[in-house]
Amino acid sequence: MERYYSEVLGYIARSVGCKDKAQNIVQEAYTRLLSHNQNYPQQDKTHARALFFRAAKNIVIDQYRNSKSVAQPDEVELVAPANFEPETVVTAQQQLAVLQCCIDALPLKTKQAFVLYKFKNLTQPQIAEQMGISVSMVEKHLATAMLACRDALKK
């Protein structure tokens, strides 16, 4: 098993991303296999390399599972995220209403370009092609719309 130590160490180090942690894991696997061999000396030793790899991999899996343990309900502090606070929700709703009014008040072509860009996720060349205008005109429409929205939110 000693001859496989560095090979298993390299494999586990790549798996866990930390050489020190990998050394501890491989050492634990080596210790487990030695203990197993002492308890069952008559067992076939032809697959020692595979057993070494499997033991080390199982330790990694066990450690991962143990690190993902869930806290007990009485240990969990129940705190709502900030975006669930009533003031935040109301403010967001008010801003959305202001933006909706601003977008509705935009000139037709500017509104169309803005909606295609922001809500349909089209690129400026795609918008230009769809609207039958130049890309620079699309840029002007978008700039006008974004400035109007910014100004509306400032008020």
N, C-alpha and C. Protein backbone atom coordinates (compact mmCIF):
# COMPACT_ATOMS: atom_id res chain seq x y z
N MET A 1 0.81 -1.20 0.00
CA MET A 1 0.00 0.00 0.00
C MET A 1 0.86 1.26 0.00
N GLU A 2 2.05 1.17 0.56
CA GLU A 2 2.91 2.35 0.63
C GLU A 2 3.22 2.90 -0.77
N ARG A 3 3.34 1.99 -1.73
CA ARG A 3 3.70 2.44 -3.08
C ARG A 3 2.57 3.22 -3.76
N TYR A 4 1.35 3.10 -3.27
CA TYR A 4 0.21 3.81 -3.86
C TYR A 4 -0.08 5.12 -3.14
N TYR A 5 0.62 5.37 -2.04
CA TYR A 5 0.31 6.53 -1.21
C TYR A 5 0.34 7.85 -1.99
N SER A 6 1.43 8.09 -2.71
CA SER A 6 1.54 9.37 -3.42
C SER A 6 0.52 9.49 -4.55
N GLU A 7 0.19 8.37 -5.17
CA GLU A 7 -0.81 8.38 -6.24
C GLU A 7 -2.20 8.72 -5.67
N VAL A 8 -2.56 8.11 -4.57
CA VAL A 8 -3.84 8.38 -3.93
C VAL A 8 -3.87 9.81 -3.39
N LEU A 9 -2.74 10.25 -2.84
CA LEU A 9 -2.64 11.62 -2.31
C LEU A 9 -2.90 12.64 -3.42
N GLY A 10 -2.29 12.44 -4.57
CA GLY A 10 -2.51 13.36 -5.70
C GLY A 10 -3.95 13.39 -6.14
N TYR A 11 -4.57 12.23 -6.20
CA TYR A 11 -5.97 12.13 -6.61
C TYR A 11 -6.89 12.86 -5.62
N ILE A 12 -6.68 12.61 -4.34
CA ILE A 12 -7.52 13.22 -3.31
C ILE A 12 -7.26 14.72 -3.22
N ALA A 13 -6.00 15.14 -3.38
CA ALA A 13 -5.67 16.57 -3.34
C ALA A 13 -6.41 17.31 -4.45
N ARG A 14 -6.48 16.73 -5.63
CA ARG A 14 -7.23 17.35 -6.73
C ARG A 14 -8.72 17.36 -6.41
N SER A 15 -9.17 16.34 -5.73
CA SER A 15 -10.60 16.23 -5.41
C SER A 15 -11.04 17.25 -4.38
N VAL A 16 -10.23 17.45 -3.31
CA VAL A 16 -10.64 18.35 -2.23
C VAL A 16 -10.04 19.74 -2.36
N GLY A 17 -9.01 19.90 -3.19
CA GLY A 17 -8.43 21.21 -3.43
C GLY A 17 -7.50 21.72 -2.35
N CYS A 18 -7.11 20.86 -1.43
CA CYS A 18 -6.22 21.28 -0.34
C CYS A 18 -5.29 20.12 -0.01
N LYS A 19 -3.99 20.35 -0.15
CA LYS A 19 -3.03 19.27 0.06
C LYS A 19 -3.00 18.80 1.51
N ASP A 20 -3.10 19.74 2.46
CA ASP A 20 -3.09 19.35 3.88
C ASP A 20 -4.30 18.48 4.23
N LYS A 21 -5.45 18.89 3.75
CA LYS A 21 -6.66 18.11 4.00
C LYS A 21 -6.55 16.74 3.33
N ALA A 22 -5.99 16.71 2.13
CA ALA A 22 -5.82 15.46 1.41
C ALA A 22 -4.88 14.52 2.17
N GLN A 23 -3.81 15.06 2.75
CA GLN A 23 -2.89 14.22 3.52
C GLN A 23 -3.59 13.58 4.70
N ASN A 24 -4.43 14.35 5.38
CA ASN A 24 -5.19 13.80 6.50
C ASN A 24 -6.13 12.69 6.05
N ILE A 25 -6.78 12.90 4.94
CA ILE A 25 -7.72 11.91 4.42
C ILE A 25 -7.00 10.63 4.01
N VAL A 26 -5.91 10.78 3.28
CA VAL A 26 -5.15 9.61 2.82
C VAL A 26 -4.56 8.86 4.01
N GLN A 27 -4.09 9.60 4.99
CA GLN A 27 -3.55 8.95 6.20
C GLN A 27 -4.64 8.15 6.91
N GLU A 28 -5.84 8.72 6.99
CA GLU A 28 -6.96 8.02 7.61
C GLU A 28 -7.31 6.75 6.82
N ALA A 29 -7.34 6.87 5.50
CA ALA A 29 -7.63 5.71 4.66
C ALA A 29 -6.57 4.63 4.83
N TYR A 30 -5.32 5.04 4.88
CA TYR A 30 -4.21 4.11 5.07
C TYR A 30 -4.35 3.38 6.41
N THR A 31 -4.68 4.14 7.44
CA THR A 31 -4.86 3.56 8.78
C THR A 31 -6.02 2.56 8.78
N ARG A 32 -7.11 2.91 8.14
CA ARG A 32 -8.26 2.00 8.07
C ARG A 32 -7.90 0.70 7.35
N LEU A 33 -7.17 0.82 6.25
CA LEU A 33 -6.80 -0.38 5.49
C LEU A 33 -5.83 -1.25 6.29
N LEU A 34 -4.88 -0.65 7.00
CA LEU A 34 -3.97 -1.42 7.83
C LEU A 34 -4.74 -2.17 8.91
N SER A 35 -5.67 -1.48 9.52
CA SER A 35 -6.50 -2.10 10.56
C SER A 35 -7.31 -3.25 9.97
N HIS A 36 -7.87 -3.02 8.80
CA HIS A 36 -8.66 -4.06 8.13
C HIS A 36 -7.78 -5.27 7.81
N ASN A 37 -6.57 -5.03 7.32
CA ASN A 37 -5.66 -6.13 6.97
C ASN A 37 -5.24 -6.91 8.20
N GLN A 38 -5.11 -6.24 9.33
CA GLN A 38 -4.75 -6.94 10.56
C GLN A 38 -5.92 -7.80 11.06
N ASN A 39 -7.12 -7.32 10.89
CA ASN A 39 -8.30 -8.07 11.33
C ASN A 39 -8.64 -9.23 10.40
N TYR A 40 -8.30 -9.08 9.12
CA TYR A 40 -8.60 -10.12 8.13
C TYR A 40 -7.33 -10.43 7.32
N PRO A 41 -6.35 -11.09 7.94
CA PRO A 41 -5.08 -11.34 7.24
C PRO A 41 -5.20 -12.32 6.08
N GLN A 42 -6.19 -13.17 6.08
CA GLN A 42 -6.36 -14.16 5.02
C GLN A 42 -6.98 -13.59 3.75
N GLN A 43 -7.45 -12.34 3.79
CA GLN A 43 -8.14 -11.74 2.64
C GLN A 43 -7.15 -11.44 1.51
N ASP A 44 -7.63 -11.54 0.27
CA ASP A 44 -6.85 -11.33 -0.94
C ASP A 44 -6.31 -9.90 -1.00
N LYS A 45 -5.02 -9.72 -1.28
CA LYS A 45 -4.38 -8.40 -1.31
C LYS A 45 -4.13 -7.90 -2.74
N THR A 46 -4.70 -8.57 -3.73
CA THR A 46 -4.43 -8.20 -5.12
C THR A 46 -5.07 -6.88 -5.53
N HIS A 47 -6.07 -6.45 -4.80
CA HIS A 47 -6.77 -5.21 -5.15
C HIS A 47 -6.49 -4.10 -4.14
N ALA A 48 -5.30 -4.09 -3.59
CA ALA A 48 -4.94 -3.12 -2.56
C ALA A 48 -5.04 -1.68 -3.08
N ARG A 49 -4.59 -1.46 -4.31
CA ARG A 49 -4.63 -0.11 -4.88
C ARG A 49 -6.08 0.38 -4.99
N ALA A 50 -6.95 -0.45 -5.52
CA ALA A 50 -8.36 -0.07 -5.68
C ALA A 50 -9.00 0.17 -4.32
N LEU A 51 -8.69 -0.67 -3.35
CA LEU A 51 -9.24 -0.49 -2.01
C LEU A 51 -8.75 0.81 -1.38
N PHE A 52 -7.50 1.14 -1.60
CA PHE A 52 -6.93 2.37 -1.06
C PHE A 52 -7.66 3.59 -1.64
N PHE A 53 -7.82 3.59 -2.97
CA PHE A 53 -8.54 4.69 -3.62
C PHE A 53 -9.98 4.77 -3.10
N ARG A 54 -10.65 3.64 -3.00
CA ARG A 54 -12.05 3.63 -2.57
C ARG A 54 -12.18 4.09 -1.12
N ALA A 55 -11.28 3.65 -0.26
CA ALA A 55 -11.34 4.07 1.15
C ALA A 55 -11.16 5.58 1.27
N ALA A 56 -10.20 6.13 0.54
CA ALA A 56 -9.96 7.58 0.58
C ALA A 56 -11.15 8.35 0.03
N LYS A 57 -11.71 7.85 -1.06
CA LYS A 57 -12.86 8.52 -1.66
C LYS A 57 -14.07 8.48 -0.72
N ASN A 58 -14.26 7.36 -0.03
CA ASN A 58 -15.36 7.25 0.93
C ASN A 58 -15.20 8.23 2.08
N ILE A 59 -13.98 8.45 2.52
CA ILE A 59 -13.73 9.41 3.60
C ILE A 59 -14.09 10.82 3.13
N VAL A 60 -13.73 11.16 1.88
CA VAL A 60 -14.08 12.47 1.33
C VAL A 60 -15.60 12.63 1.32
N ILE A 61 -16.30 11.60 0.88
CA ILE A 61 -17.76 11.65 0.82
C ILE A 61 -18.35 11.81 2.23
N ASP A 62 -17.82 11.05 3.18
CA ASP A 62 -18.30 11.16 4.57
C ASP A 62 -18.09 12.56 5.12
N GLN A 63 -16.93 13.12 4.88
CA GLN A 63 -16.65 14.47 5.38
C GLN A 63 -17.58 15.49 4.74
N TYR A 64 -17.84 15.33 3.46
CA TYR A 64 -18.75 16.25 2.78
C TYR A 64 -20.15 16.16 3.39
N ARG A 65 -20.62 14.94 3.60
CA ARG A 65 -21.95 14.76 4.18
C ARG A 65 -22.02 15.36 5.58
N ASN A 66 -20.98 15.16 6.37
CA ASN A 66 -20.97 15.69 7.73
C ASN A 66 -20.92 17.21 7.74
N SER A 67 -20.26 17.80 6.77
CA SER A 67 -20.18 19.27 6.72
C SER A 67 -21.49 19.90 6.29
N LYS A 68 -22.35 19.14 5.67
CA LYS A 68 -23.64 19.63 5.19
C LYS A 68 -24.77 19.36 6.17
N SER A 69 -24.42 19.06 7.41
CA SER A 69 -25.46 18.75 8.39
C SER A 69 -26.34 19.97 8.61
N VAL A 70 -27.60 19.72 8.84
CA VAL A 70 -28.60 20.77 9.00
C VAL A 70 -28.71 21.14 10.47
N ALA A 71 -28.78 22.41 10.74
CA ALA A 71 -28.92 22.87 12.11
C ALA A 71 -30.29 22.47 12.65
N GLN A 72 -30.35 22.28 13.93
CA GLN A 72 -31.62 21.94 14.58
C GLN A 72 -32.54 23.15 14.52
N PRO A 73 -33.85 22.92 14.43
CA PRO A 73 -34.80 24.05 14.31
C PRO A 73 -34.66 25.10 15.40
N ASP A 74 -34.33 24.68 16.63
CA ASP A 74 -34.20 25.66 17.69
C ASP A 74 -32.92 26.47 17.58
N GLU A 75 -31.97 26.02 16.74
CA GLU A 75 -30.72 26.74 16.54
C GLU A 75 -30.79 27.73 15.38
N VAL A 76 -31.82 27.63 14.58
CA VAL A 76 -31.94 28.46 13.39
C VAL A 76 -32.63 29.77 13.75
N GLU A 77 -32.02 30.86 13.37
CA GLU A 77 -32.64 32.16 13.60
C GLU A 77 -33.44 32.51 12.36
N LEU A 78 -34.72 32.70 12.53
CA LEU A 78 -35.58 32.98 11.40
C LEU A 78 -35.60 34.49 11.14
N VAL A 79 -34.93 34.88 10.08
CA VAL A 79 -34.86 36.29 9.70
C VAL A 79 -35.23 36.38 8.23
N ALA A 80 -36.18 37.21 7.93
CA ALA A 80 -36.59 37.40 6.54
C ALA A 80 -35.54 38.24 5.83
N PRO A 81 -35.29 37.94 4.56
CA PRO A 81 -34.37 38.77 3.79
C PRO A 81 -34.86 40.22 3.74
N ALA A 82 -33.94 41.14 3.54
CA ALA A 82 -34.27 42.57 3.54
C ALA A 82 -35.30 42.92 2.48
N ASN A 83 -35.31 42.20 1.35
CA ASN A 83 -36.26 42.54 0.29
C ASN A 83 -37.68 42.10 0.63
N PHE A 84 -37.89 41.45 1.78
CA PHE A 84 -39.23 41.08 2.22
C PHE A 84 -39.78 42.06 3.26
N GLU A 85 -39.00 43.03 3.63
CA GLU A 85 -39.45 44.03 4.60
C GLU A 85 -40.58 44.84 3.96
N PRO A 86 -41.62 45.17 4.71
CA PRO A 86 -42.76 45.90 4.14
C PRO A 86 -42.36 47.22 3.48
N GLU A 87 -41.43 47.95 4.10
CA GLU A 87 -41.02 49.24 3.53
C GLU A 87 -40.34 49.03 2.18
N THR A 88 -39.53 47.99 2.08
CA THR A 88 -38.82 47.70 0.84
C THR A 88 -39.80 47.31 -0.26
N VAL A 89 -40.78 46.51 0.09
CA VAL A 89 -41.77 46.07 -0.89
C VAL A 89 -42.58 47.26 -1.39
N VAL A 90 -43.02 48.12 -0.49
CA VAL A 90 -43.81 49.29 -0.88
C VAL A 90 -42.99 50.22 -1.76
N THR A 91 -41.75 50.46 -1.38
CA THR A 91 -40.86 51.33 -2.17
C THR A 91 -40.67 50.76 -3.57
N ALA A 92 -40.45 49.46 -3.65
CA ALA A 92 -40.26 48.82 -4.96
C ALA A 92 -41.52 48.94 -5.81
N GLN A 93 -42.67 48.76 -5.19
CA GLN A 93 -43.94 48.89 -5.92
C GLN A 93 -44.15 50.31 -6.43
N GLN A 94 -43.78 51.29 -5.60
CA GLN A 94 -43.92 52.69 -6.01
C GLN A 94 -42.98 53.01 -7.17
N GLN A 95 -41.76 52.52 -7.09
CA GLN A 95 -40.80 52.75 -8.17
C GLN A 95 -41.27 52.08 -9.46
N LEU A 96 -41.83 50.90 -9.34
CA LEU A 96 -42.34 50.20 -10.51
C LEU A 96 -43.48 50.97 -11.16
N ALA A 97 -44.35 51.52 -10.34
CA ALA A 97 -45.47 52.32 -10.87
C ALA A 97 -44.96 53.56 -11.59
N VAL A 98 -43.96 54.22 -11.01
CA VAL A 98 -43.37 55.41 -11.64
C VAL A 98 -42.74 55.02 -12.98
N LEU A 99 -42.01 53.93 -13.00
CA LEU A 99 -41.38 53.49 -14.25
C LEU A 99 -42.43 53.12 -15.30
N GLN A 100 -43.50 52.46 -14.88
CA GLN A 100 -44.56 52.10 -15.82
C GLN A 100 -45.18 53.35 -16.45
N CYS A 101 -45.46 54.36 -15.64
CA CYS A 101 -46.01 55.62 -16.17
C CYS A 101 -45.02 56.28 -17.12
N CYS A 102 -43.75 56.27 -16.75
CA CYS A 102 -42.71 56.88 -17.58
C CYS A 102 -42.63 56.18 -18.94
N ILE A 103 -42.62 54.85 -18.92
CA ILE A 103 -42.53 54.08 -20.16
C ILE A 103 -43.77 54.31 -21.02
N ASP A 104 -44.93 54.35 -20.39
CA ASP A 104 -46.16 54.60 -21.14
C ASP A 104 -46.16 55.98 -21.79
N ALA A 105 -45.46 56.95 -21.18
CA ALA A 105 -45.45 58.32 -21.70
C ALA A 105 -44.41 58.52 -22.80
N LEU A 106 -43.55 57.53 -23.04
CA LEU A 106 -42.51 57.66 -24.07
C LEU A 106 -43.14 57.70 -25.46
N PRO A 107 -42.47 58.37 -26.41
CA PRO A 107 -42.93 58.31 -27.80
C PRO A 107 -42.96 56.85 -28.29
N LEU A 108 -43.83 56.55 -29.22
CA LEU A 108 -44.07 55.18 -29.66
C LEU A 108 -42.80 54.43 -30.05
N LYS A 109 -41.98 55.00 -30.93
CA LYS A 109 -40.76 54.33 -31.39
C LYS A 109 -39.76 54.13 -30.24
N THR A 110 -39.65 55.13 -29.38
CA THR A 110 -38.73 55.03 -28.24
C THR A 110 -39.21 53.94 -27.29
N LYS A 111 -40.49 53.91 -27.04
CA LYS A 111 -41.07 52.89 -26.16
C LYS A 111 -40.86 51.50 -26.75
N GLN A 112 -41.10 51.36 -28.05
CA GLN A 112 -40.95 50.07 -28.70
C GLN A 112 -39.50 49.58 -28.62
N ALA A 113 -38.55 50.45 -28.90
CA ALA A 113 -37.13 50.07 -28.83
C ALA A 113 -36.74 49.68 -27.40
N PHE A 114 -37.21 50.45 -26.42
CA PHE A 114 -36.90 50.20 -25.02
C PHE A 114 -37.46 48.85 -24.56
N VAL A 115 -38.70 48.57 -24.91
CA VAL A 115 -39.33 47.31 -24.52
C VAL A 115 -38.61 46.13 -25.16
N LEU A 116 -38.27 46.26 -26.43
CA LEU A 116 -37.56 45.17 -27.10
C LEU A 116 -36.19 44.93 -26.46
N TYR A 117 -35.54 45.99 -26.05
CA TYR A 117 -34.19 45.87 -25.47
C TYR A 117 -34.24 45.35 -24.03
N LYS A 118 -35.07 45.94 -23.21
CA LYS A 118 -35.08 45.61 -21.78
C LYS A 118 -35.91 44.38 -21.43
N PHE A 119 -37.01 44.16 -22.13
CA PHE A 119 -37.93 43.09 -21.74
C PHE A 119 -37.89 41.89 -22.69
N LYS A 120 -37.52 42.10 -23.92
CA LYS A 120 -37.43 40.99 -24.87
C LYS A 120 -35.98 40.54 -25.08
N ASN A 121 -35.04 41.28 -24.47
CA ASN A 121 -33.61 40.97 -24.51
C ASN A 121 -33.04 40.86 -25.93
N LEU A 122 -33.53 41.71 -26.81
CA LEU A 122 -32.98 41.75 -28.17
C LEU A 122 -31.75 42.66 -28.18
N THR A 123 -30.84 42.38 -29.09
CA THR A 123 -29.67 43.24 -29.25
C THR A 123 -30.05 44.46 -30.06
N GLN A 124 -29.21 45.47 -30.04
CA GLN A 124 -29.50 46.69 -30.80
C GLN A 124 -29.60 46.41 -32.30
N PRO A 125 -28.71 45.60 -32.89
CA PRO A 125 -28.89 45.30 -34.32
C PRO A 125 -30.19 44.55 -34.60
N GLN A 126 -30.61 43.66 -33.71
CA GLN A 126 -31.87 42.95 -33.90
C GLN A 126 -33.06 43.91 -33.84
N ILE A 127 -32.99 44.86 -32.93
CA ILE A 127 -34.06 45.86 -32.81
C ILE A 127 -34.10 46.72 -34.07
N ALA A 128 -32.92 47.14 -34.53
CA ALA A 128 -32.86 47.97 -35.74
C ALA A 128 -33.49 47.25 -36.92
N GLU A 129 -33.17 45.97 -37.05
CA GLU A 129 -33.72 45.19 -38.15
C GLU A 129 -35.24 45.05 -38.02
N GLN A 130 -35.71 44.75 -36.82
CA GLN A 130 -37.14 44.55 -36.59
C GLN A 130 -37.93 45.84 -36.78
N MET A 131 -37.36 46.97 -36.36
CA MET A 131 -38.07 48.25 -36.48
C MET A 131 -37.82 48.94 -37.81
N GLY A 132 -36.85 48.45 -38.58
CA GLY A 132 -36.55 49.07 -39.87
C GLY A 132 -35.85 50.40 -39.74
N ILE A 133 -35.00 50.55 -38.71
CA ILE A 133 -34.25 51.79 -38.50
C ILE A 133 -32.78 51.43 -38.32
N SER A 134 -31.93 52.45 -38.27
CA SER A 134 -30.49 52.20 -38.10
C SER A 134 -30.16 51.89 -36.63
N VAL A 135 -29.00 51.26 -36.43
CA VAL A 135 -28.54 50.93 -35.08
C VAL A 135 -28.32 52.22 -34.28
N SER A 136 -27.79 53.26 -34.93
CA SER A 136 -27.57 54.51 -34.20
C SER A 136 -28.89 55.13 -33.75
N MET A 137 -29.94 54.95 -34.54
CA MET A 137 -31.25 55.46 -34.13
C MET A 137 -31.78 54.67 -32.94
N VAL A 138 -31.53 53.36 -32.94
CA VAL A 138 -31.91 52.52 -31.79
C VAL A 138 -31.19 53.01 -30.54
N GLU A 139 -29.89 53.31 -30.68
CA GLU A 139 -29.11 53.81 -29.54
C GLU A 139 -29.70 55.11 -29.01
N LYS A 140 -30.12 55.99 -29.91
CA LYS A 140 -30.72 57.26 -29.48
C LYS A 140 -32.04 57.04 -28.76
N HIS A 141 -32.86 56.13 -29.30
CA HIS A 141 -34.13 55.81 -28.63
C HIS A 141 -33.89 55.25 -27.23
N LEU A 142 -32.93 54.34 -27.11
CA LEU A 142 -32.63 53.72 -25.81
C LEU A 142 -32.09 54.74 -24.82
N ALA A 143 -31.22 55.62 -25.31
CA ALA A 143 -30.66 56.66 -24.43
C ALA A 143 -31.77 57.58 -23.94
N THR A 144 -32.67 57.95 -24.83
CA THR A 144 -33.79 58.81 -24.46
C THR A 144 -34.66 58.12 -23.40
N ALA A 145 -34.96 56.86 -23.61
CA ALA A 145 -35.81 56.13 -22.68
C ALA A 145 -35.15 55.98 -21.31
N MET A 146 -33.87 55.63 -21.31
CA MET A 146 -33.16 55.43 -20.04
C MET A 146 -33.02 56.74 -19.26
N LEU A 147 -32.77 57.82 -19.95
CA LEU A 147 -32.71 59.12 -19.28
C LEU A 147 -34.07 59.48 -18.70
N ALA A 148 -35.13 59.21 -19.44
CA ALA A 148 -36.48 59.52 -18.94
C ALA A 148 -36.78 58.69 -17.69
N CYS A 149 -36.41 57.43 -17.71
CA CYS A 149 -36.64 56.58 -16.52
C CYS A 149 -35.82 57.05 -15.34
N ARG A 150 -34.58 57.40 -15.59
CA ARG A 150 -33.72 57.90 -14.49
C ARG A 150 -34.29 59.17 -13.89
N ASP A 151 -34.70 60.08 -14.77
CA ASP A 151 -35.27 61.35 -14.29
C ASP A 151 -36.57 61.12 -13.51
N ALA A 152 -37.39 60.18 -13.97
CA ALA A 152 -38.65 59.88 -13.28
C ALA A 152 -38.39 59.31 -11.89
N LEU A 153 -37.36 58.50 -11.75
CA LEU A 153 -37.04 57.91 -10.45
C LEU A 153 -36.42 58.94 -9.49
N LYS A 154 -35.77 59.95 -10.04
CA LYS A 154 -35.17 60.99 -9.21
C LYS A 154 -36.21 61.86 -8.53
N LYS A 155 -37.35 62.03 -9.20
CA LYS A 155 -38.39 62.94 -8.69
C LYS A 155 -39.09 62.40 -7.49
